[in-house]
Amino acid sequence: MQDVLERNATDLGSAIAARLEQLRREPTCDVETAAGLLGISRGLAYQEARQGSLGGVPVLRVGHRLRVVVKPLLVALGLDAPIHTDGR
């Protein structure tokens, strides 16, 4: 059982690291993704994003869409450095 839990935790860590690497390659992300990273509700995130900022992170309005600028988001969360899943 412990082996299964450790393997699942490792898989989860790898999945999170892969998603963060994917985010780092994109200039913006959707409000829902930013809300998940910030640990806030979708509704609160949209409420703040409509004002042009999400926790101090710039939000761009493109037509009717709201896009959160990824680099400042990751910096604000302390996730701007690469994540190593191999213990480094």
PDB file of N, CA and C in Angstrom:
ATOM      1  N   MET A   1       0.831  -1.200   0.000  1.00  0.00           N
ATOM      2  CA  MET A   1       0.000   0.000   0.000  1.00  0.00           C
ATOM      3  C   MET A   1       0.868   1.254   0.000  1.00  0.00           C
ATOM      4  N   GLN A   2       1.919   1.245   0.834  1.00  0.00           N
ATOM      5  CA  GLN A   2       2.812   2.399   0.910  1.00  0.00           C
ATOM      6  C   GLN A   2       3.481   2.649  -0.442  1.00  0.00           C
ATOM      7  N   ASP A   3       3.863   1.567  -1.142  1.00  0.00           N
ATOM      8  CA  ASP A   3       4.479   1.713  -2.469  1.00  0.00           C
ATOM      9  C   ASP A   3       3.530   2.392  -3.444  1.00  0.00           C
ATOM     10  N   VAL A   4       2.251   2.023  -3.379  1.00  0.00           N
ATOM     11  CA  VAL A   4       1.250   2.615  -4.265  1.00  0.00           C
ATOM     12  C   VAL A   4       1.118   4.105  -3.969  1.00  0.00           C
ATOM     13  N   LEU A   5       1.055   4.464  -2.692  1.00  0.00           N
ATOM     14  CA  LEU A   5       0.946   5.874  -2.311  1.00  0.00           C
ATOM     15  C   LEU A   5       2.163   6.674  -2.759  1.00  0.00           C
ATOM     16  N   GLU A   6       3.356   6.103  -2.585  1.00  0.00           N
ATOM     17  CA  GLU A   6       4.576   6.798  -3.007  1.00  0.00           C
ATOM     18  C   GLU A   6       4.606   6.959  -4.520  1.00  0.00           C
ATOM     19  N   ARG A   7       4.187   5.924  -5.246  1.00  0.00           N
ATOM     20  CA  ARG A   7       4.173   5.992  -6.709  1.00  0.00           C
ATOM     21  C   ARG A   7       3.158   7.039  -7.172  1.00  0.00           C
ATOM     22  N   ASN A   8       1.983   7.074  -6.525  1.00  0.00           N
ATOM     23  CA  ASN A   8       0.973   8.065  -6.877  1.00  0.00           C
ATOM     24  C   ASN A   8       1.463   9.477  -6.588  1.00  0.00           C
ATOM     25  N   ALA A   9       2.153   9.666  -5.466  1.00  0.00           N
ATOM     26  CA  ALA A   9       2.690  10.980  -5.118  1.00  0.00           C
ATOM     27  C   ALA A   9       3.746  11.404  -6.136  1.00  0.00           C
ATOM     28  N   THR A  10       4.584  10.459  -6.552  1.00  0.00           N
ATOM     29  CA  THR A  10       5.598  10.762  -7.560  1.00  0.00           C
ATOM     30  C   THR A  10       4.950  11.116  -8.885  1.00  0.00           C
ATOM     31  N   ASP A  11       3.922  10.355  -9.280  1.00  0.00           N
ATOM     32  CA  ASP A  11       3.200  10.640 -10.520  1.00  0.00           C
ATOM     33  C   ASP A  11       2.551  12.019 -10.461  1.00  0.00           C
ATOM     34  N   LEU A  12       1.960  12.353  -9.327  1.00  0.00           N
ATOM     35  CA  LEU A  12       1.320  13.647  -9.154  1.00  0.00           C
ATOM     36  C   LEU A  12       2.352  14.767  -9.242  1.00  0.00           C
ATOM     37  N   GLY A  13       3.487  14.585  -8.582  1.00  0.00           N
ATOM     38  CA  GLY A  13       4.549  15.584  -8.635  1.00  0.00           C
ATOM     39  C   GLY A  13       5.045  15.791 -10.052  1.00  0.00           C
ATOM     40  N   SER A  14       5.173  14.713 -10.792  1.00  0.00           N
ATOM     41  CA  SER A  14       5.609  14.811 -12.186  1.00  0.00           C
ATOM     42  C   SER A  14       4.569  15.514 -13.038  1.00  0.00           C
ATOM     43  N   ALA A  15       3.300  15.230 -12.792  1.00  0.00           N
ATOM     44  CA  ALA A  15       2.220  15.872 -13.550  1.00  0.00           C
ATOM     45  C   ALA A  15       2.178  17.368 -13.260  1.00  0.00           C
ATOM     46  N   ILE A  16       2.356  17.744 -12.009  1.00  0.00           N
ATOM     47  CA  ILE A  16       2.358  19.163 -11.645  1.00  0.00           C
ATOM     48  C   ILE A  16       3.552  19.860 -12.282  1.00  0.00           C
ATOM     49  N   ALA A  17       4.715  19.240 -12.218  1.00  0.00           N
ATOM     50  CA  ALA A  17       5.909  19.830 -12.825  1.00  0.00           C
ATOM     51  C   ALA A  17       5.730  19.989 -14.327  1.00  0.00           C
ATOM     52  N   ALA A  18       5.126  18.997 -14.976  1.00  0.00           N
ATOM     53  CA  ALA A  18       4.895  19.074 -16.423  1.00  0.00           C
ATOM     54  C   ALA A  18       3.931  20.209 -16.752  1.00  0.00           C
ATOM     55  N   ARG A  19       2.890  20.375 -15.950  1.00  0.00           N
ATOM     56  CA  ARG A  19       1.909  21.458 -16.194  1.00  0.00           C
ATOM     57  C   ARG A  19       2.554  22.823 -16.000  1.00  0.00           C
ATOM     58  N   LEU A  20       3.410  22.956 -14.984  1.00  0.00           N
ATOM     59  CA  LEU A  20       4.097  24.232 -14.764  1.00  0.00           C
ATOM     60  C   LEU A  20       5.049  24.542 -15.914  1.00  0.00           C
ATOM     61  N   GLU A  21       5.729  23.533 -16.410  1.00  0.00           N
ATOM     62  CA  GLU A  21       6.619  23.745 -17.559  1.00  0.00           C
ATOM     63  C   GLU A  21       5.815  24.177 -18.779  1.00  0.00           C
ATOM     64  N   GLN A  22       4.653  23.573 -18.962  1.00  0.00           N
ATOM     65  CA  GLN A  22       3.777  23.962 -20.068  1.00  0.00           C
ATOM     66  C   GLN A  22       3.337  25.417 -19.894  1.00  0.00           C
ATOM     67  N   LEU A  23       2.973  25.802 -18.680  1.00  0.00           N
ATOM     68  CA  LEU A  23       2.560  27.188 -18.413  1.00  0.00           C
ATOM     69  C   LEU A  23       3.687  28.173 -18.709  1.00  0.00           C
ATOM     70  N   ARG A  24       4.909  27.792 -18.351  1.00  0.00           N
ATOM     71  CA  ARG A  24       6.056  28.686 -18.562  1.00  0.00           C
ATOM     72  C   ARG A  24       6.277  29.005 -20.035  1.00  0.00           C
ATOM     73  N   ARG A  25       5.826  28.130 -20.925  1.00  0.00           N
ATOM     74  CA  ARG A  25       6.006  28.345 -22.358  1.00  0.00           C
ATOM     75  C   ARG A  25       4.916  29.227 -22.960  1.00  0.00           C
ATOM     76  N   GLU A  26       3.864  29.487 -22.208  1.00  0.00           N
ATOM     77  CA  GLU A  26       2.738  30.290 -22.692  1.00  0.00           C
ATOM     78  C   GLU A  26       2.813  31.692 -22.096  1.00  0.00           C
ATOM     79  N   PRO A  27       2.531  32.716 -22.895  1.00  0.00           N
ATOM     80  CA  PRO A  27       2.571  34.080 -22.345  1.00  0.00           C
ATOM     81  C   PRO A  27       1.405  34.383 -21.403  1.00  0.00           C
ATOM     82  N   THR A  28       0.253  33.745 -21.648  1.00  0.00           N
ATOM     83  CA  THR A  28      -0.923  33.982 -20.810  1.00  0.00           C
ATOM     84  C   THR A  28      -1.627  32.661 -20.531  1.00  0.00           C
ATOM     85  N   CYS A  29      -2.513  32.702 -19.535  1.00  0.00           N
ATOM     86  CA  CYS A  29      -3.360  31.542 -19.240  1.00  0.00           C
ATOM     87  C   CYS A  29      -4.770  32.051 -18.961  1.00  0.00           C
ATOM     88  N   ASP A  30      -5.706  31.141 -18.903  1.00  0.00           N
ATOM     89  CA  ASP A  30      -7.076  31.556 -18.616  1.00  0.00           C
ATOM     90  C   ASP A  30      -7.254  31.836 -17.125  1.00  0.00           C
ATOM     91  N   VAL A  31      -8.324  32.499 -16.810  1.00  0.00           N
ATOM     92  CA  VAL A  31      -8.589  32.901 -15.426  1.00  0.00           C
ATOM     93  C   VAL A  31      -8.788  31.674 -14.528  1.00  0.00           C
ATOM     94  N   GLU A  32      -9.413  30.625 -15.047  1.00  0.00           N
ATOM     95  CA  GLU A  32      -9.640  29.420 -14.252  1.00  0.00           C
ATOM     96  C   GLU A  32      -8.324  28.782 -13.811  1.00  0.00           C
ATOM     97  N   THR A  33      -7.348  28.731 -14.719  1.00  0.00           N
ATOM     98  CA  THR A  33      -6.038  28.171 -14.381  1.00  0.00           C
ATOM     99  C   THR A  33      -5.372  29.009 -13.300  1.00  0.00           C
ATOM    100  N   ALA A  34      -5.403  30.328 -13.466  1.00  0.00           N
ATOM    101  CA  ALA A  34      -4.811  31.222 -12.466  1.00  0.00           C
ATOM    102  C   ALA A  34      -5.516  31.065 -11.117  1.00  0.00           C
ATOM    103  N   ALA A  35      -6.837  30.943 -11.138  1.00  0.00           N
ATOM    104  CA  ALA A  35      -7.592  30.761  -9.894  1.00  0.00           C
ATOM    105  C   ALA A  35      -7.153  29.494  -9.181  1.00  0.00           C
ATOM    106  N   GLY A  36      -6.973  28.422  -9.936  1.00  0.00           N
ATOM    107  CA  GLY A  36      -6.522  27.162  -9.341  1.00  0.00           C
ATOM    108  C   GLY A  36      -5.154  27.301  -8.689  1.00  0.00           C
ATOM    109  N   LEU A  37      -4.242  27.979  -9.354  1.00  0.00           N
ATOM    110  CA  LEU A  37      -2.909  28.188  -8.786  1.00  0.00           C
ATOM    111  C   LEU A  37      -2.956  29.063  -7.546  1.00  0.00           C
ATOM    112  N   LEU A  38      -3.843  30.047  -7.561  1.00  0.00           N
ATOM    113  CA  LEU A  38      -3.963  30.962  -6.426  1.00  0.00           C
ATOM    114  C   LEU A  38      -4.788  30.388  -5.281  1.00  0.00           C
ATOM    115  N   GLY A  39      -5.523  29.320  -5.565  1.00  0.00           N
ATOM    116  CA  GLY A  39      -6.353  28.719  -4.529  1.00  0.00           C
ATOM    117  C   GLY A  39      -7.589  29.532  -4.208  1.00  0.00           C
ATOM    118  N   ILE A  40      -8.134  30.207  -5.227  1.00  0.00           N
ATOM    119  CA  ILE A  40      -9.349  31.000  -5.028  1.00  0.00           C
ATOM    120  C   ILE A  40     -10.439  30.495  -5.965  1.00  0.00           C
ATOM    121  N   SER A  41     -11.655  30.902  -5.696  1.00  0.00           N
ATOM    122  CA  SER A  41     -12.773  30.446  -6.518  1.00  0.00           C
ATOM    123  C   SER A  41     -12.740  31.103  -7.893  1.00  0.00           C
ATOM    124  N   ARG A  42     -13.374  30.451  -8.828  1.00  0.00           N
ATOM    125  CA  ARG A  42     -13.492  30.956 -10.194  1.00  0.00           C
ATOM    126  C   ARG A  42     -14.209  32.311 -10.186  1.00  0.00           C
ATOM    127  N   GLY A  43     -15.279  32.412  -9.412  1.00  0.00           N
ATOM    128  CA  GLY A  43     -16.052  33.649  -9.342  1.00  0.00           C
ATOM    129  C   GLY A  43     -15.233  34.821  -8.823  1.00  0.00           C
ATOM    130  N   LEU A  44     -14.489  34.593  -7.749  1.00  0.00           N
ATOM    131  CA  LEU A  44     -13.644  35.660  -7.199  1.00  0.00           C
ATOM    132  C   LEU A  44     -12.564  36.038  -8.201  1.00  0.00           C
ATOM    133  N   ALA A  45     -11.994  35.046  -8.868  1.00  0.00           N
ATOM    134  CA  ALA A  45     -10.949  35.323  -9.852  1.00  0.00           C
ATOM    135  C   ALA A  45     -11.485  36.204 -10.980  1.00  0.00           C
ATOM    136  N   TYR A  46     -12.666  35.872 -11.499  1.00  0.00           N
ATOM    137  CA  TYR A  46     -13.245  36.695 -12.565  1.00  0.00           C
ATOM    138  C   TYR A  46     -13.598  38.092 -12.066  1.00  0.00           C
ATOM    139  N   GLN A  47     -14.087  38.171 -10.849  1.00  0.00           N
ATOM    140  CA  GLN A  47     -14.429  39.480 -10.277  1.00  0.00           C
ATOM    141  C   GLN A  47     -13.193  40.377 -10.236  1.00  0.00           C
ATOM    142  N   GLU A  48     -12.072  39.841  -9.786  1.00  0.00           N
ATOM    143  CA  GLU A  48     -10.835  40.608  -9.715  1.00  0.00           C
ATOM    144  C   GLU A  48     -10.257  40.867 -11.105  1.00  0.00           C
ATOM    145  N   ALA A  49     -10.305  39.857 -11.970  1.00  0.00           N
ATOM    146  CA  ALA A  49      -9.727  39.983 -13.311  1.00  0.00           C
ATOM    147  C   ALA A  49     -10.417  41.079 -14.115  1.00  0.00           C
ATOM    148  N   ARG A  50     -11.717  41.237 -13.929  1.00  0.00           N
ATOM    149  CA  ARG A  50     -12.448  42.286 -14.649  1.00  0.00           C
ATOM    150  C   ARG A  50     -11.934  43.682 -14.305  1.00  0.00           C
ATOM    151  N   GLN A  51     -11.297  43.800 -13.152  1.00  0.00           N
ATOM    152  CA  GLN A  51     -10.731  45.087 -12.730  1.00  0.00           C
ATOM    153  C   GLN A  51      -9.340  45.305 -13.334  1.00  0.00           C
ATOM    154  N   GLY A  52      -8.803  44.285 -14.040  1.00  0.00           N
ATOM    155  CA  GLY A  52      -7.512  44.423 -14.712  1.00  0.00           C
ATOM    156  C   GLY A  52      -6.336  43.817 -13.989  1.00  0.00           C
ATOM    157  N   SER A  53      -6.587  43.215 -12.832  1.00  0.00           N
ATOM    158  CA  SER A  53      -5.501  42.628 -12.046  1.00  0.00           C
ATOM    159  C   SER A  53      -6.044  41.466 -11.229  1.00  0.00           C
ATOM    160  N   LEU A  54      -5.224  40.484 -11.034  1.00  0.00           N
ATOM    161  CA  LEU A  54      -5.610  39.320 -10.228  1.00  0.00           C
ATOM    162  C   LEU A  54      -4.530  39.125  -9.177  1.00  0.00           C
ATOM    163  N   GLY A  55      -4.761  39.652  -7.997  1.00  0.00           N
ATOM    164  CA  GLY A  55      -3.752  39.567  -6.942  1.00  0.00           C
ATOM    165  C   GLY A  55      -2.479  40.299  -7.296  1.00  0.00           C
ATOM    166  N   GLY A  56      -2.599  41.407  -8.024  1.00  0.00           N
ATOM    167  CA  GLY A  56      -1.428  42.163  -8.435  1.00  0.00           C
ATOM    168  C   GLY A  56      -0.823  41.693  -9.749  1.00  0.00           C
ATOM    169  N   VAL A  57      -1.366  40.641 -10.318  1.00  0.00           N
ATOM    170  CA  VAL A  57      -0.872  40.094 -11.586  1.00  0.00           C
ATOM    171  C   VAL A  57      -1.696  40.706 -12.726  1.00  0.00           C
ATOM    172  N   PRO A  58      -1.026  41.220 -13.752  1.00  0.00           N
ATOM    173  CA  PRO A  58      -1.759  41.851 -14.860  1.00  0.00           C
ATOM    174  C   PRO A  58      -2.695  40.882 -15.585  1.00  0.00           C
ATOM    175  N   VAL A  59      -3.859  41.409 -15.939  1.00  0.00           N
ATOM    176  CA  VAL A  59      -4.845  40.668 -16.718  1.00  0.00           C
ATOM    177  C   VAL A  59      -5.118  41.461 -17.992  1.00  0.00           C
ATOM    178  N   LEU A  60      -5.080  40.769 -19.116  1.00  0.00           N
ATOM    179  CA  LEU A  60      -5.333  41.398 -20.408  1.00  0.00           C
ATOM    180  C   LEU A  60      -6.742  41.077 -20.872  1.00  0.00           C
ATOM    181  N   ARG A  61      -7.390  42.051 -21.456  1.00  0.00           N
ATOM    182  CA  ARG A  61      -8.695  41.831 -22.074  1.00  0.00           C
ATOM    183  C   ARG A  61      -8.466  41.737 -23.571  1.00  0.00           C
ATOM    184  N   VAL A  62      -8.808  40.595 -24.144  1.00  0.00           N
ATOM    185  CA  VAL A  62      -8.669  40.361 -25.581  1.00  0.00           C
ATOM    186  C   VAL A  62     -10.065  40.054 -26.102  1.00  0.00           C
ATOM    187  N   GLY A  63     -10.695  41.055 -26.703  1.00  0.00           N
ATOM    188  CA  GLY A  63     -12.098  40.903 -27.082  1.00  0.00           C
ATOM    189  C   GLY A  63     -12.920  40.742 -25.820  1.00  0.00           C
ATOM    190  N   HIS A  64     -13.649  39.639 -25.729  1.00  0.00           N
ATOM    191  CA  HIS A  64     -14.435  39.352 -24.523  1.00  0.00           C
ATOM    192  C   HIS A  64     -13.695  38.443 -23.555  1.00  0.00           C
ATOM    193  N   ARG A  65     -12.508  38.042 -23.925  1.00  0.00           N
ATOM    194  CA  ARG A  65     -11.744  37.109 -23.088  1.00  0.00           C
ATOM    195  C   ARG A  65     -10.824  37.850 -22.132  1.00  0.00           C
ATOM    196  N   LEU A  66     -10.597  37.241 -20.984  1.00  0.00           N
ATOM    197  CA  LEU A  66      -9.639  37.744 -20.009  1.00  0.00           C
ATOM    198  C   LEU A  66      -8.493  36.741 -19.939  1.00  0.00           C
ATOM    199  N   ARG A  67      -7.266  37.237 -20.065  1.00  0.00           N
ATOM    200  CA  ARG A  67      -6.083  36.384 -20.031  1.00  0.00           C
ATOM    201  C   ARG A  67      -5.133  36.904 -18.962  1.00  0.00           C
ATOM    202  N   VAL A  68      -4.604  36.007 -18.149  1.00  0.00           N
ATOM    203  CA  VAL A  68      -3.693  36.354 -17.065  1.00  0.00           C
ATOM    204  C   VAL A  68      -2.261  36.172 -17.573  1.00  0.00           C
ATOM    205  N   VAL A  69      -1.417  37.163 -17.334  1.00  0.00           N
ATOM    206  CA  VAL A  69      -0.025  37.098 -17.766  1.00  0.00           C
ATOM    207  C   VAL A  69       0.716  36.102 -16.860  1.00  0.00           C
ATOM    208  N   VAL A  70       1.291  35.074 -17.465  1.00  0.00           N
ATOM    209  CA  VAL A  70       1.837  33.935 -16.715  1.00  0.00           C
ATOM    210  C   VAL A  70       3.088  34.281 -15.913  1.00  0.00           C
ATOM    211  N   LYS A  71       4.061  34.936 -16.513  1.00  0.00           N
ATOM    212  CA  LYS A  71       5.333  35.151 -15.810  1.00  0.00           C
ATOM    213  C   LYS A  71       5.146  35.857 -14.467  1.00  0.00           C
ATOM    214  N   PRO A  72       4.423  36.991 -14.409  1.00  0.00           N
ATOM    215  CA  PRO A  72       4.229  37.623 -13.096  1.00  0.00           C
ATOM    216  C   PRO A  72       3.415  36.755 -12.132  1.00  0.00           C
ATOM    217  N   LEU A  73       2.519  35.929 -12.679  1.00  0.00           N
ATOM    218  CA  LEU A  73       1.747  35.014 -11.826  1.00  0.00           C
ATOM    219  C   LEU A  73       2.675  34.018 -11.153  1.00  0.00           C
ATOM    220  N   LEU A  74       3.563  33.408 -11.931  1.00  0.00           N
ATOM    221  CA  LEU A  74       4.490  32.431 -11.370  1.00  0.00           C
ATOM    222  C   LEU A  74       5.471  33.079 -10.399  1.00  0.00           C
ATOM    223  N   VAL A  75       5.904  34.299 -10.698  1.00  0.00           N
ATOM    224  CA  VAL A  75       6.798  35.025  -9.779  1.00  0.00           C
ATOM    225  C   VAL A  75       6.078  35.295  -8.460  1.00  0.00           C
ATOM    226  N   ALA A  76       4.835  35.754  -8.535  1.00  0.00           N
ATOM    227  CA  ALA A  76       4.060  36.063  -7.326  1.00  0.00           C
ATOM    228  C   ALA A  76       3.884  34.826  -6.449  1.00  0.00           C
ATOM    229  N   LEU A  77       3.802  33.658  -7.086  1.00  0.00           N
ATOM    230  CA  LEU A  77       3.617  32.409  -6.339  1.00  0.00           C
ATOM    231  C   LEU A  77       4.937  31.741  -5.958  1.00  0.00           C
ATOM    232  N   GLY A  78       6.049  32.321  -6.379  1.00  0.00           N
ATOM    233  CA  GLY A  78       7.353  31.717  -6.102  1.00  0.00           C
ATOM    234  C   GLY A  78       7.601  30.467  -6.925  1.00  0.00           C
ATOM    235  N   LEU A  79       6.940  30.374  -8.071  1.00  0.00           N
ATOM    236  CA  LEU A  79       7.064  29.198  -8.927  1.00  0.00           C
ATOM    237  C   LEU A  79       7.824  29.509 -10.213  1.00  0.00           C
ATOM    238  N   ASP A  80       8.608  30.584 -10.203  1.00  0.00           N
ATOM    239  CA  ASP A  80       9.298  30.992 -11.412  1.00  0.00           C
ATOM    240  C   ASP A  80      10.580  30.203 -11.667  1.00  0.00           C
ATOM    241  N   ALA A  81      11.066  29.463 -10.680  1.00  0.00           N
ATOM    242  CA  ALA A  81      12.254  28.630 -10.874  1.00  0.00           C
ATOM    243  C   ALA A  81      11.826  27.240 -11.338  1.00  0.00           C
ATOM    244  N   PRO A  82      12.674  26.579 -12.129  1.00  0.00           N
ATOM    245  CA  PRO A  82      12.327  25.220 -12.578  1.00  0.00           C
ATOM    246  C   PRO A  82      12.117  24.281 -11.397  1.00  0.00           C
ATOM    247  N   ILE A  83      11.191  23.352 -11.558  1.00  0.00           N
ATOM    248  CA  ILE A  83      10.912  22.347 -10.543  1.00  0.00           C
ATOM    249  C   ILE A  83      11.575  21.052 -10.963  1.00  0.00           C
ATOM    250  N   HIS A  84      12.350  20.464 -10.062  1.00  0.00           N
ATOM    251  CA  HIS A  84      13.003  19.184 -10.353  1.00  0.00           C
ATOM    252  C   HIS A  84      12.288  18.086  -9.586  1.00  0.00           C
ATOM    253  N   THR A  85      11.866  17.054 -10.282  1.00  0.00           N
ATOM    254  CA  THR A  85      11.170  15.953  -9.622  1.00  0.00           C
ATOM    255  C   THR A  85      12.132  14.834  -9.240  1.00  0.00           C
ATOM    256  N   ASP A  86      13.415  15.017  -9.526  1.00  0.00           N
ATOM    257  CA  ASP A  86      14.387  13.975  -9.210  1.00  0.00           C
ATOM    258  C   ASP A  86      15.172  14.274  -7.935  1.00  0.00           C
ATOM    259  N   GLY A  87      14.658  15.180  -7.096  1.00  0.00           N
ATOM    260  CA  GLY A  87      15.271  15.459  -5.802  1.00  0.00           C
ATOM    261  C   GLY A  87      16.336  16.536  -5.840  1.00  0.00           C
ATOM    262  N   ARG A  88      16.580  17.163  -6.988  1.00  0.00           N
ATOM    263  CA  ARG A  88      17.588  18.237  -7.052  1.00  0.00           C
ATOM    264  C   ARG A  88      17.020  19.533  -6.569  1.00  0.00           C
TER     265      ARG A  88
END
